[in-house]
Amino acid sequence: MRAKAFIIKAGTIILVCNAVVQILQTFNWQFQVVAETAPQTSILASIASPLAVLFIPLGFGLWQFAAAAVTGFIAKENVVGTLAVAFSITNFIDVEELALVGGSSEVSAIFGISAVAALSYLVFNLFTPPCFAAIGAMRSELESSKWLWGAVGFQMGMGYVIAFLVYQVGTLITTGTLGEGFIGGLIAVAIIVGYVAYLMRKGSKSTQISAGMRSVKV
């Protein structure tokens, strides 16, 4: 049943999403074919570039990774497909040997990020909301739009904070210096952690007040 569900998903949602990404990557806003030497002029690049700025402190501030992260909300499998389309990757794997065609240095050169940044990207996609289907399941279980958006926001914040720590600490260990965008990322992380702490404190006070009211009624 799981294999059947994945095959259906791969043939519908993932296929359609990758087709849309391919179209957006191929044309610019004038619906002209983008030159191979100027992929940054595509519709996909213009949409994803503003989001990429937010990911600089995490080590993957490129529009290709931002676009893949966004399509990952539809289905996490789309992350791989979008990266393959955005970077024009034909094949990285020898299906007979089940091994990378190129070494890790070649893969890193094509993507333009370090191994630490790649790990940060994996962690970010691991902790952020899984897909629209899972979010729909969360909605039915929580039975509240407020709690749903709160849960999605918490997952987004957790993914950002942990990816920031992985990249910055990992870069410090491997190179002896902090990664790019450290100050901006630190401010963003402080805001996220502070807001979560505020909500937790607010919820604790509300629980205490509710418990006090129940004890008075008894």
N, C-alpha and C. Protein backbone atom coordinates (compact mmCIF):
# COMPACT_ATOMS: atom_id res chain seq x y z
N MET A 1 0.82 -1.20 0.00
CA MET A 1 0.00 0.00 0.00
C MET A 1 0.86 1.26 0.00
N ARG A 2 1.96 1.22 0.76
CA ARG A 2 2.86 2.38 0.80
C ARG A 2 3.55 2.58 -0.55
N ALA A 3 3.95 1.46 -1.17
CA ALA A 3 4.60 1.56 -2.48
C ALA A 3 3.62 2.10 -3.52
N LYS A 4 2.38 1.65 -3.47
CA LYS A 4 1.35 2.12 -4.40
C LYS A 4 1.11 3.61 -4.20
N ALA A 5 1.02 4.04 -2.93
CA ALA A 5 0.79 5.45 -2.63
C ALA A 5 1.92 6.32 -3.16
N PHE A 6 3.17 5.84 -3.02
CA PHE A 6 4.31 6.62 -3.51
C PHE A 6 4.31 6.70 -5.03
N ILE A 7 3.99 5.59 -5.69
CA ILE A 7 3.95 5.58 -7.16
C ILE A 7 2.90 6.57 -7.67
N ILE A 8 1.73 6.57 -7.02
CA ILE A 8 0.68 7.50 -7.41
C ILE A 8 1.13 8.94 -7.18
N LYS A 9 1.78 9.16 -6.04
CA LYS A 9 2.27 10.50 -5.71
C LYS A 9 3.34 10.95 -6.70
N ALA A 10 4.24 10.03 -7.06
CA ALA A 10 5.31 10.36 -8.00
C ALA A 10 4.76 10.65 -9.39
N GLY A 11 3.67 9.98 -9.75
CA GLY A 11 3.10 10.17 -11.08
C GLY A 11 2.13 11.32 -11.19
N THR A 12 1.79 11.92 -10.08
CA THR A 12 0.83 13.03 -10.10
C THR A 12 1.44 14.30 -9.53
N ILE A 13 1.50 14.41 -8.21
CA ILE A 13 1.95 15.64 -7.55
C ILE A 13 3.39 15.98 -7.92
N ILE A 14 4.28 15.02 -7.76
CA ILE A 14 5.70 15.28 -8.00
C ILE A 14 5.95 15.58 -9.47
N LEU A 15 5.33 14.82 -10.36
CA LEU A 15 5.50 15.03 -11.79
C LEU A 15 5.02 16.40 -12.22
N VAL A 16 3.82 16.77 -11.76
CA VAL A 16 3.26 18.08 -12.12
C VAL A 16 4.12 19.21 -11.58
N CYS A 17 4.57 19.07 -10.31
CA CYS A 17 5.38 20.11 -9.69
C CYS A 17 6.70 20.29 -10.45
N ASN A 18 7.35 19.20 -10.80
CA ASN A 18 8.62 19.30 -11.53
C ASN A 18 8.41 19.88 -12.92
N ALA A 19 7.26 19.58 -13.53
CA ALA A 19 6.96 20.15 -14.85
C ALA A 19 6.79 21.67 -14.75
N VAL A 20 6.09 22.11 -13.69
CA VAL A 20 5.90 23.55 -13.48
C VAL A 20 7.24 24.23 -13.22
N VAL A 21 8.08 23.60 -12.39
CA VAL A 21 9.41 24.15 -12.10
C VAL A 21 10.23 24.25 -13.38
N GLN A 22 10.14 23.24 -14.23
CA GLN A 22 10.88 23.25 -15.49
C GLN A 22 10.44 24.40 -16.38
N ILE A 23 9.12 24.65 -16.43
CA ILE A 23 8.60 25.76 -17.24
C ILE A 23 9.06 27.10 -16.68
N LEU A 24 8.96 27.27 -15.37
CA LEU A 24 9.39 28.52 -14.74
C LEU A 24 10.89 28.75 -14.90
N GLN A 25 11.66 27.66 -14.93
CA GLN A 25 13.10 27.75 -15.10
C GLN A 25 13.47 28.04 -16.55
N THR A 26 12.62 27.67 -17.48
CA THR A 26 12.93 27.80 -18.91
C THR A 26 12.63 29.19 -19.45
N PHE A 27 11.59 29.85 -18.93
CA PHE A 27 11.13 31.12 -19.49
C PHE A 27 11.32 32.28 -18.51
N ASN A 28 11.45 33.48 -19.06
CA ASN A 28 11.44 34.69 -18.25
C ASN A 28 10.04 35.30 -18.28
N TRP A 29 9.88 36.48 -17.67
CA TRP A 29 8.56 37.08 -17.56
C TRP A 29 8.00 37.53 -18.91
N GLN A 30 8.83 37.64 -19.93
CA GLN A 30 8.38 37.96 -21.28
C GLN A 30 8.09 36.68 -22.08
N PHE A 31 8.14 35.53 -21.37
CA PHE A 31 7.92 34.22 -21.98
C PHE A 31 8.88 33.95 -23.13
N GLN A 32 10.11 34.41 -22.92
CA GLN A 32 11.20 34.10 -23.83
C GLN A 32 12.09 33.05 -23.18
N VAL A 33 12.66 32.18 -24.00
CA VAL A 33 13.51 31.13 -23.47
C VAL A 33 14.77 31.74 -22.86
N VAL A 34 15.07 31.34 -21.64
CA VAL A 34 16.21 31.89 -20.92
C VAL A 34 17.51 31.31 -21.50
N ALA A 35 18.49 32.16 -21.66
CA ALA A 35 19.79 31.70 -22.17
C ALA A 35 20.46 30.79 -21.14
N GLU A 36 21.21 29.82 -21.62
CA GLU A 36 21.88 28.88 -20.72
C GLU A 36 22.87 29.59 -19.80
N THR A 37 23.41 30.70 -20.25
CA THR A 37 24.39 31.44 -19.45
C THR A 37 23.75 32.42 -18.48
N ALA A 38 22.42 32.54 -18.52
CA ALA A 38 21.74 33.50 -17.63
C ALA A 38 20.51 32.88 -16.99
N PRO A 39 20.67 31.80 -16.23
CA PRO A 39 19.51 31.17 -15.60
C PRO A 39 18.86 32.05 -14.53
N GLN A 40 19.62 33.04 -14.03
CA GLN A 40 19.10 33.92 -12.99
C GLN A 40 18.02 34.87 -13.50
N THR A 41 17.80 34.90 -14.83
CA THR A 41 16.77 35.77 -15.40
C THR A 41 15.42 35.05 -15.54
N SER A 42 15.35 33.81 -15.14
CA SER A 42 14.12 33.03 -15.29
C SER A 42 13.06 33.48 -14.29
N ILE A 43 11.83 33.07 -14.55
CA ILE A 43 10.73 33.38 -13.63
C ILE A 43 10.99 32.75 -12.27
N LEU A 44 11.47 31.51 -12.27
CA LEU A 44 11.73 30.81 -11.02
C LEU A 44 12.77 31.54 -10.19
N ALA A 45 13.84 32.01 -10.84
CA ALA A 45 14.90 32.71 -10.12
C ALA A 45 14.40 34.03 -9.54
N SER A 46 13.58 34.75 -10.29
CA SER A 46 13.08 36.04 -9.80
C SER A 46 12.14 35.87 -8.61
N ILE A 47 11.43 34.75 -8.57
CA ILE A 47 10.52 34.49 -7.44
C ILE A 47 11.30 34.03 -6.21
N ALA A 48 12.29 33.17 -6.43
CA ALA A 48 13.00 32.57 -5.31
C ALA A 48 14.14 33.43 -4.76
N SER A 49 14.66 34.35 -5.55
CA SER A 49 15.81 35.15 -5.12
C SER A 49 15.56 35.95 -3.84
N PRO A 50 14.39 36.63 -3.69
CA PRO A 50 14.16 37.36 -2.43
C PRO A 50 14.14 36.44 -1.21
N LEU A 51 13.65 35.21 -1.37
CA LEU A 51 13.63 34.26 -0.26
C LEU A 51 15.03 33.76 0.06
N ALA A 52 15.88 33.69 -0.94
CA ALA A 52 17.24 33.17 -0.74
C ALA A 52 18.03 34.02 0.25
N VAL A 53 17.72 35.30 0.33
CA VAL A 53 18.42 36.19 1.26
C VAL A 53 18.25 35.71 2.70
N LEU A 54 17.08 35.17 3.02
CA LEU A 54 16.81 34.69 4.37
C LEU A 54 17.66 33.49 4.73
N PHE A 55 18.14 32.77 3.72
CA PHE A 55 18.90 31.55 3.97
C PHE A 55 20.40 31.74 3.95
N ILE A 56 20.86 32.96 3.75
CA ILE A 56 22.31 33.21 3.75
C ILE A 56 22.95 32.80 5.07
N PRO A 57 22.36 33.14 6.23
CA PRO A 57 22.98 32.71 7.50
C PRO A 57 22.97 31.20 7.70
N LEU A 58 22.22 30.48 6.88
CA LEU A 58 22.15 29.03 7.00
C LEU A 58 23.11 28.33 6.04
N GLY A 59 23.76 29.13 5.16
CA GLY A 59 24.77 28.58 4.28
C GLY A 59 24.31 28.27 2.88
N PHE A 60 23.01 28.40 2.59
CA PHE A 60 22.54 28.08 1.23
C PHE A 60 21.69 29.23 0.68
N GLY A 61 22.29 30.39 0.61
CA GLY A 61 21.59 31.57 0.13
C GLY A 61 21.57 31.69 -1.37
N LEU A 62 21.25 30.63 -2.06
CA LEU A 62 21.13 30.62 -3.52
C LEU A 62 19.67 30.41 -3.90
N TRP A 63 19.25 31.02 -4.99
CA TRP A 63 17.84 30.95 -5.35
C TRP A 63 17.41 29.52 -5.68
N GLN A 64 18.33 28.69 -6.16
CA GLN A 64 17.97 27.31 -6.48
C GLN A 64 17.54 26.56 -5.22
N PHE A 65 18.26 26.77 -4.12
CA PHE A 65 17.92 26.08 -2.87
C PHE A 65 16.64 26.65 -2.27
N ALA A 66 16.44 27.95 -2.42
CA ALA A 66 15.20 28.56 -1.92
C ALA A 66 13.99 28.01 -2.68
N ALA A 67 14.11 27.88 -4.00
CA ALA A 67 13.02 27.34 -4.81
C ALA A 67 12.73 25.89 -4.42
N ALA A 68 13.77 25.10 -4.19
CA ALA A 68 13.57 23.71 -3.81
C ALA A 68 12.93 23.58 -2.43
N ALA A 69 13.30 24.48 -1.52
CA ALA A 69 12.70 24.46 -0.19
C ALA A 69 11.21 24.77 -0.25
N VAL A 70 10.83 25.69 -1.13
CA VAL A 70 9.41 26.06 -1.27
C VAL A 70 8.62 24.90 -1.87
N THR A 71 9.13 24.30 -2.94
CA THR A 71 8.42 23.17 -3.55
C THR A 71 8.38 21.97 -2.61
N GLY A 72 9.30 21.95 -1.64
CA GLY A 72 9.29 20.87 -0.67
C GLY A 72 8.07 20.88 0.23
N PHE A 73 7.40 22.02 0.33
CA PHE A 73 6.17 22.07 1.11
C PHE A 73 5.05 21.29 0.44
N ILE A 74 5.11 21.16 -0.87
CA ILE A 74 4.12 20.36 -1.58
C ILE A 74 4.39 18.88 -1.33
N ALA A 75 5.64 18.50 -1.47
CA ALA A 75 6.09 17.14 -1.16
C ALA A 75 7.60 17.18 -1.03
N LYS A 76 8.14 16.57 0.00
CA LYS A 76 9.58 16.64 0.23
C LYS A 76 10.38 16.04 -0.92
N GLU A 77 9.77 15.10 -1.64
CA GLU A 77 10.46 14.53 -2.79
C GLU A 77 10.74 15.58 -3.85
N ASN A 78 9.98 16.66 -3.85
CA ASN A 78 10.17 17.72 -4.84
C ASN A 78 11.50 18.46 -4.66
N VAL A 79 12.06 18.40 -3.46
CA VAL A 79 13.32 19.10 -3.21
C VAL A 79 14.40 18.58 -4.15
N VAL A 80 14.52 17.27 -4.25
CA VAL A 80 15.52 16.66 -5.11
C VAL A 80 15.24 16.99 -6.58
N GLY A 81 13.97 16.86 -6.98
CA GLY A 81 13.61 17.14 -8.37
C GLY A 81 13.86 18.58 -8.76
N THR A 82 13.52 19.50 -7.87
CA THR A 82 13.71 20.93 -8.16
C THR A 82 15.20 21.27 -8.27
N LEU A 83 16.01 20.70 -7.39
CA LEU A 83 17.46 20.94 -7.46
C LEU A 83 18.03 20.40 -8.78
N ALA A 84 17.53 19.24 -9.20
CA ALA A 84 18.02 18.66 -10.45
C ALA A 84 17.66 19.56 -11.64
N VAL A 85 16.45 20.13 -11.61
CA VAL A 85 16.02 21.01 -12.70
C VAL A 85 16.77 22.34 -12.64
N ALA A 86 16.84 22.94 -11.44
CA ALA A 86 17.45 24.26 -11.30
C ALA A 86 18.94 24.27 -11.62
N PHE A 87 19.63 23.17 -11.28
CA PHE A 87 21.06 23.09 -11.56
C PHE A 87 21.36 22.34 -12.85
N SER A 88 20.31 21.97 -13.58
CA SER A 88 20.46 21.25 -14.85
C SER A 88 21.31 20.00 -14.69
N ILE A 89 20.99 19.21 -13.67
CA ILE A 89 21.72 17.98 -13.41
C ILE A 89 21.05 16.84 -14.16
N THR A 90 21.81 16.14 -14.97
CA THR A 90 21.25 15.02 -15.72
C THR A 90 21.30 13.73 -14.92
N ASN A 91 22.47 13.39 -14.41
CA ASN A 91 22.58 12.15 -13.64
C ASN A 91 23.83 12.21 -12.77
N PHE A 92 23.64 11.99 -11.48
CA PHE A 92 24.74 11.96 -10.54
C PHE A 92 25.08 10.54 -10.09
N ILE A 93 24.21 9.59 -10.46
CA ILE A 93 24.33 8.25 -9.89
C ILE A 93 24.51 7.21 -10.99
N ASP A 94 25.45 6.33 -10.79
CA ASP A 94 25.62 5.16 -11.65
C ASP A 94 24.68 4.08 -11.12
N VAL A 95 23.59 3.85 -11.85
CA VAL A 95 22.55 2.93 -11.35
C VAL A 95 23.05 1.50 -11.25
N GLU A 96 24.07 1.15 -12.00
CA GLU A 96 24.61 -0.21 -11.94
C GLU A 96 25.51 -0.39 -10.73
N GLU A 97 26.33 0.60 -10.46
CA GLU A 97 27.25 0.52 -9.33
C GLU A 97 26.63 1.10 -8.05
N LEU A 98 25.49 1.79 -8.20
CA LEU A 98 24.83 2.46 -7.06
C LEU A 98 25.81 3.37 -6.34
N ALA A 99 26.47 4.23 -7.10
CA ALA A 99 27.47 5.14 -6.55
C ALA A 99 27.42 6.45 -7.31
N LEU A 100 27.94 7.50 -6.68
CA LEU A 100 28.01 8.79 -7.33
C LEU A 100 28.95 8.73 -8.53
N VAL A 101 28.55 9.36 -9.62
CA VAL A 101 29.41 9.42 -10.80
C VAL A 101 30.64 10.25 -10.50
N GLY A 102 30.43 11.38 -9.81
CA GLY A 102 31.54 12.24 -9.42
C GLY A 102 31.78 12.15 -7.92
N GLY A 103 32.92 12.64 -7.48
CA GLY A 103 33.22 12.64 -6.07
C GLY A 103 32.49 13.74 -5.34
N SER A 104 32.67 13.79 -4.02
CA SER A 104 31.99 14.80 -3.21
C SER A 104 32.43 16.21 -3.58
N SER A 105 33.70 16.36 -3.97
CA SER A 105 34.20 17.69 -4.35
C SER A 105 33.53 18.18 -5.62
N GLU A 106 33.29 17.27 -6.57
CA GLU A 106 32.61 17.63 -7.81
C GLU A 106 31.17 18.02 -7.55
N VAL A 107 30.51 17.24 -6.72
CA VAL A 107 29.12 17.54 -6.36
C VAL A 107 29.03 18.89 -5.67
N SER A 108 29.97 19.15 -4.75
CA SER A 108 29.99 20.42 -4.04
C SER A 108 30.24 21.58 -4.99
N ALA A 109 31.09 21.38 -5.97
CA ALA A 109 31.40 22.44 -6.93
C ALA A 109 30.18 22.79 -7.78
N ILE A 110 29.40 21.79 -8.16
CA ILE A 110 28.22 22.05 -8.98
C ILE A 110 27.17 22.81 -8.19
N PHE A 111 26.96 22.43 -6.94
CA PHE A 111 25.96 23.11 -6.12
C PHE A 111 26.46 24.43 -5.55
N GLY A 112 27.76 24.60 -5.46
CA GLY A 112 28.32 25.86 -5.01
C GLY A 112 28.22 26.11 -3.52
N ILE A 113 28.10 25.04 -2.71
CA ILE A 113 28.07 25.20 -1.26
C ILE A 113 29.02 24.19 -0.64
N SER A 114 29.36 24.44 0.63
CA SER A 114 30.26 23.55 1.33
C SER A 114 29.50 22.34 1.88
N ALA A 115 30.26 21.36 2.37
CA ALA A 115 29.64 20.18 2.96
C ALA A 115 28.82 20.54 4.20
N VAL A 116 29.30 21.50 4.97
CA VAL A 116 28.57 21.94 6.17
C VAL A 116 27.26 22.60 5.77
N ALA A 117 27.29 23.42 4.72
CA ALA A 117 26.06 24.06 4.24
C ALA A 117 25.07 23.03 3.71
N ALA A 118 25.59 21.99 3.06
CA ALA A 118 24.72 20.91 2.57
C ALA A 118 24.04 20.19 3.73
N LEU A 119 24.79 19.96 4.80
CA LEU A 119 24.21 19.34 6.00
C LEU A 119 23.15 20.26 6.61
N SER A 120 23.44 21.54 6.63
CA SER A 120 22.48 22.52 7.13
C SER A 120 21.18 22.48 6.32
N TYR A 121 21.32 22.34 5.01
CA TYR A 121 20.14 22.29 4.13
C TYR A 121 19.31 21.03 4.41
N LEU A 122 20.00 19.93 4.61
CA LEU A 122 19.30 18.69 4.94
C LEU A 122 18.55 18.82 6.27
N VAL A 123 19.19 19.41 7.25
CA VAL A 123 18.56 19.59 8.57
C VAL A 123 17.36 20.52 8.45
N PHE A 124 17.50 21.59 7.68
CA PHE A 124 16.39 22.53 7.51
C PHE A 124 15.17 21.84 6.93
N ASN A 125 15.37 21.06 5.88
CA ASN A 125 14.25 20.36 5.25
C ASN A 125 13.70 19.24 6.12
N LEU A 126 14.52 18.73 7.03
CA LEU A 126 14.06 17.68 7.94
C LEU A 126 13.10 18.21 8.98
N PHE A 127 13.36 19.43 9.49
CA PHE A 127 12.58 19.95 10.60
C PHE A 127 11.43 20.87 10.17
N THR A 128 11.46 21.39 8.96
CA THR A 128 10.35 22.23 8.51
C THR A 128 9.14 21.36 8.19
N PRO A 129 7.93 21.97 8.08
CA PRO A 129 6.72 21.18 7.83
C PRO A 129 6.90 20.24 6.66
N PRO A 130 6.46 18.98 6.78
CA PRO A 130 6.74 17.95 5.78
C PRO A 130 6.12 18.18 4.41
N CYS A 131 4.81 18.34 4.33
CA CYS A 131 4.14 18.53 3.06
C CYS A 131 2.71 18.98 3.32
N PHE A 132 2.01 19.38 2.26
CA PHE A 132 0.64 19.84 2.40
C PHE A 132 -0.27 18.75 2.95
N ALA A 133 -0.02 17.51 2.56
CA ALA A 133 -0.86 16.41 3.03
C ALA A 133 -0.74 16.25 4.55
N ALA A 134 0.49 16.34 5.05
CA ALA A 134 0.71 16.23 6.49
C ALA A 134 0.10 17.41 7.23
N ILE A 135 0.20 18.60 6.63
CA ILE A 135 -0.40 19.78 7.25
C ILE A 135 -1.92 19.61 7.31
N GLY A 136 -2.50 19.02 6.26
CA GLY A 136 -3.94 18.75 6.27
C GLY A 136 -4.31 17.78 7.37
N ALA A 137 -3.47 16.77 7.59
CA ALA A 137 -3.71 15.82 8.68
C ALA A 137 -3.60 16.52 10.03
N MET A 138 -2.63 17.43 10.15
CA MET A 138 -2.49 18.19 11.39
C MET A 138 -3.73 19.02 11.67
N ARG A 139 -4.29 19.60 10.63
CA ARG A 139 -5.49 20.42 10.79
C ARG A 139 -6.67 19.60 11.32
N SER A 140 -6.83 18.41 10.76
CA SER A 140 -7.95 17.56 11.20
C SER A 140 -7.75 17.08 12.63
N GLU A 141 -6.51 16.87 13.03
CA GLU A 141 -6.24 16.40 14.39
C GLU A 141 -6.32 17.54 15.41
N LEU A 142 -5.79 18.70 15.06
CA LEU A 142 -5.78 19.83 15.99
C LEU A 142 -7.15 20.50 16.09
N GLU A 143 -7.91 20.46 14.99
CA GLU A 143 -9.26 21.04 14.95
C GLU A 143 -9.25 22.53 15.31
N SER A 144 -8.19 23.22 14.93
CA SER A 144 -8.09 24.65 15.22
C SER A 144 -7.08 25.27 14.26
N SER A 145 -7.51 26.31 13.54
CA SER A 145 -6.59 27.00 12.63
C SER A 145 -5.47 27.69 13.40
N LYS A 146 -5.81 28.18 14.58
CA LYS A 146 -4.81 28.87 15.40
C LYS A 146 -3.67 27.92 15.78
N TRP A 147 -4.03 26.74 16.28
CA TRP A 147 -3.01 25.78 16.68
C TRP A 147 -2.28 25.23 15.46
N LEU A 148 -2.98 25.11 14.33
CA LEU A 148 -2.34 24.63 13.11
C LEU A 148 -1.22 25.57 12.67
N TRP A 149 -1.53 26.86 12.55
CA TRP A 149 -0.52 27.82 12.12
C TRP A 149 0.57 27.97 13.16
N GLY A 150 0.19 27.80 14.44
CA GLY A 150 1.20 27.82 15.49
C GLY A 150 2.18 26.67 15.35
N ALA A 151 1.66 25.48 15.03
CA ALA A 151 2.52 24.30 14.86
C ALA A 151 3.41 24.45 13.64
N VAL A 152 2.85 24.96 12.53
CA VAL A 152 3.63 25.17 11.31
C VAL A 152 4.73 26.21 11.56
N GLY A 153 4.37 27.30 12.23
CA GLY A 153 5.35 28.33 12.55
C GLY A 153 6.45 27.81 13.46
N PHE A 154 6.07 26.96 14.44
CA PHE A 154 7.06 26.38 15.34
C PHE A 154 8.04 25.49 14.58
N GLN A 155 7.51 24.68 13.65
CA GLN A 155 8.37 23.82 12.86
C GLN A 155 9.31 24.63 11.97
N MET A 156 8.79 25.70 11.36
CA MET A 156 9.63 26.57 10.54
C MET A 156 10.74 27.20 11.37
N GLY A 157 10.36 27.71 12.54
CA GLY A 157 11.35 28.33 13.42
C GLY A 157 12.39 27.35 13.90
N MET A 158 11.95 26.14 14.25
CA MET A 158 12.89 25.12 14.72
C MET A 158 13.87 24.75 13.61
N GLY A 159 13.35 24.58 12.38
CA GLY A 159 14.23 24.25 11.26
C GLY A 159 15.25 25.33 11.01
N TYR A 160 14.83 26.59 11.10
CA TYR A 160 15.74 27.71 10.85
C TYR A 160 16.81 27.78 11.93
N VAL A 161 16.40 27.66 13.19
CA VAL A 161 17.36 27.77 14.30
C VAL A 161 18.39 26.65 14.26
N ILE A 162 17.94 25.42 14.08
CA ILE A 162 18.86 24.29 14.09
C ILE A 162 19.80 24.34 12.87
N ALA A 163 19.26 24.70 11.70
CA ALA A 163 20.12 24.81 10.52
C ALA A 163 21.15 25.92 10.70
N PHE A 164 20.76 27.02 11.34
CA PHE A 164 21.70 28.11 11.63
C PHE A 164 22.84 27.62 12.51
N LEU A 165 22.49 26.89 13.57
CA LEU A 165 23.51 26.38 14.48
C LEU A 165 24.43 25.38 13.79
N VAL A 166 23.85 24.51 12.98
CA VAL A 166 24.66 23.51 12.27
C VAL A 166 25.67 24.20 11.35
N TYR A 167 25.19 25.18 10.58
CA TYR A 167 26.08 25.84 9.63
C TYR A 167 27.15 26.68 10.31
N GLN A 168 26.73 27.52 11.25
CA GLN A 168 27.67 28.42 11.89
C GLN A 168 28.69 27.69 12.76
N VAL A 169 28.22 26.74 13.56
CA VAL A 169 29.14 25.97 14.41
C VAL A 169 30.02 25.07 13.55
N GLY A 170 29.43 24.44 12.55
CA GLY A 170 30.20 23.57 11.67
C GLY A 170 31.26 24.34 10.90
N THR A 171 30.91 25.53 10.41
CA THR A 171 31.88 26.37 9.70
C THR A 171 33.00 26.82 10.63
N LEU A 172 32.64 27.16 11.87
CA LEU A 172 33.64 27.58 12.84
C LEU A 172 34.62 26.44 13.14
N ILE A 173 34.11 25.23 13.21
CA ILE A 173 34.97 24.08 13.52
C ILE A 173 35.87 23.74 12.33
N THR A 174 35.32 23.79 11.13
CA THR A 174 36.07 23.36 9.94
C THR A 174 37.00 24.43 9.38
N THR A 175 36.63 25.70 9.55
CA THR A 175 37.45 26.78 8.95
C THR A 175 38.05 27.73 9.98
N GLY A 176 37.54 27.69 11.19
CA GLY A 176 38.04 28.60 12.22
C GLY A 176 37.38 29.96 12.22
N THR A 177 36.42 30.18 11.32
CA THR A 177 35.70 31.45 11.27
C THR A 177 34.20 31.18 11.20
N LEU A 178 33.42 32.17 11.54
CA LEU A 178 31.97 32.05 11.46
C LEU A 178 31.52 32.16 10.01
N GLY A 179 30.35 31.61 9.73
CA GLY A 179 29.83 31.63 8.38
C GLY A 179 29.27 32.98 7.99
N GLU A 180 28.94 33.13 6.72
CA GLU A 180 28.40 34.38 6.19
C GLU A 180 27.02 34.66 6.81
N GLY A 181 26.78 35.94 7.06
CA GLY A 181 25.48 36.36 7.58
C GLY A 181 25.24 36.00 9.03
N PHE A 182 26.30 35.85 9.81
CA PHE A 182 26.14 35.42 11.21
C PHE A 182 25.32 36.41 12.02
N ILE A 183 25.62 37.68 11.91
CA ILE A 183 24.92 38.69 12.73
C ILE A 183 23.43 38.72 12.41
N GLY A 184 23.11 38.77 11.12
CA GLY A 184 21.71 38.78 10.73
C GLY A 184 20.97 37.52 11.17
N GLY A 185 21.64 36.38 11.00
CA GLY A 185 21.03 35.13 11.43
C GLY A 185 20.86 35.06 12.93
N LEU A 186 21.83 35.59 13.67
CA LEU A 186 21.73 35.59 15.13
C LEU A 186 20.55 36.43 15.60
N ILE A 187 20.33 37.56 14.95
CA ILE A 187 19.19 38.40 15.29
C ILE A 187 17.88 37.66 15.01
N ALA A 188 17.81 37.00 13.85
CA ALA A 188 16.60 36.25 13.49
C ALA A 188 16.36 35.12 14.48
N VAL A 189 17.40 34.41 14.86
CA VAL A 189 17.27 33.30 15.81
C VAL A 189 16.83 33.82 17.18
N ALA A 190 17.40 34.96 17.60
CA ALA A 190 17.02 35.55 18.89
C ALA A 190 15.54 35.93 18.90
N ILE A 191 15.06 36.47 17.78
CA ILE A 191 13.65 36.84 17.68
C ILE A 191 12.76 35.60 17.75
N ILE A 192 13.14 34.55 17.03
CA ILE A 192 12.36 33.32 17.02
C ILE A 192 12.31 32.69 18.42
N VAL A 193 13.48 32.56 19.04
CA VAL A 193 13.55 31.95 20.37
C VAL A 193 12.80 32.80 21.40
N GLY A 194 12.96 34.13 21.30
CA GLY A 194 12.28 35.02 22.23
C GLY A 194 10.77 34.94 22.10
N TYR A 195 10.29 34.85 20.86
CA TYR A 195 8.83 34.78 20.64
C TYR A 195 8.27 33.46 21.14
N VAL A 196 9.00 32.37 20.90
CA VAL A 196 8.54 31.07 21.41
C VAL A 196 8.52 31.07 22.94
N ALA A 197 9.55 31.65 23.55
CA ALA A 197 9.59 31.74 25.02
C ALA A 197 8.42 32.57 25.54
N TYR A 198 8.10 33.65 24.84
CA TYR A 198 6.96 34.49 25.23
C TYR A 198 5.65 33.72 25.16
N LEU A 199 5.46 32.97 24.09
CA LEU A 199 4.24 32.19 23.94
C LEU A 199 4.13 31.10 25.01
N MET A 200 5.27 30.48 25.33
CA MET A 200 5.27 29.45 26.37
C MET A 200 4.92 30.05 27.73
N ARG A 201 5.47 31.22 28.00
CA ARG A 201 5.18 31.89 29.28
C ARG A 201 3.73 32.32 29.35
N LYS A 202 3.23 32.83 28.22
CA LYS A 202 1.84 33.25 28.15
C LYS A 202 0.90 32.06 28.34
N GLY A 203 1.24 30.94 27.70
CA GLY A 203 0.42 29.73 27.84
C GLY A 203 0.45 29.19 29.25
N SER A 204 1.61 29.28 29.92
CA SER A 204 1.72 28.82 31.30
C SER A 204 0.84 29.65 32.22
N LYS A 205 0.84 30.97 32.01
CA LYS A 205 0.00 31.84 32.84
C LYS A 205 -1.49 31.55 32.61
N SER A 206 -1.86 31.31 31.35
CA SER A 206 -3.26 31.01 31.04
C SER A 206 -3.68 29.71 31.70
N THR A 207 -2.78 28.73 31.71
CA THR A 207 -3.08 27.44 32.36
C THR A 207 -3.26 27.61 33.85
N GLN A 208 -2.41 28.42 34.48
CA GLN A 208 -2.52 28.66 35.91
C GLN A 208 -3.81 29.38 36.26
N ILE A 209 -4.20 30.36 35.43
CA ILE A 209 -5.45 31.09 35.68
C ILE A 209 -6.65 30.17 35.55
N SER A 210 -6.63 29.30 34.51
CA SER A 210 -7.73 28.36 34.31
C SER A 210 -7.82 27.38 35.46
N ALA A 211 -6.66 26.91 35.92
CA ALA A 211 -6.65 25.98 37.06
C ALA A 211 -7.17 26.66 38.31
N GLY A 212 -6.80 27.94 38.52
CA GLY A 212 -7.28 28.68 39.67
C GLY A 212 -8.79 28.89 39.65
N MET A 213 -9.33 29.19 38.46
CA MET A 213 -10.77 29.37 38.33
C MET A 213 -11.52 28.07 38.61
N ARG A 214 -10.98 26.95 38.17
CA ARG A 214 -11.63 25.66 38.42
C ARG A 214 -11.62 25.33 39.91
N SER A 215 -10.50 25.65 40.58
CA SER A 215 -10.42 25.36 42.02
C SER A 215 -11.39 26.23 42.81
N VAL A 216 -11.59 27.49 42.36
CA VAL A 216 -12.54 28.37 43.05
C VAL A 216 -13.96 27.84 42.89
N LYS A 217 -14.30 27.37 41.69
CA LYS A 217 -15.65 26.83 41.46
C LYS A 217 -15.89 25.60 42.32
N VAL A 218 -14.85 24.75 42.47
CA VAL A 218 -15.01 23.57 43.30
C VAL A 218 -15.20 23.94 44.76
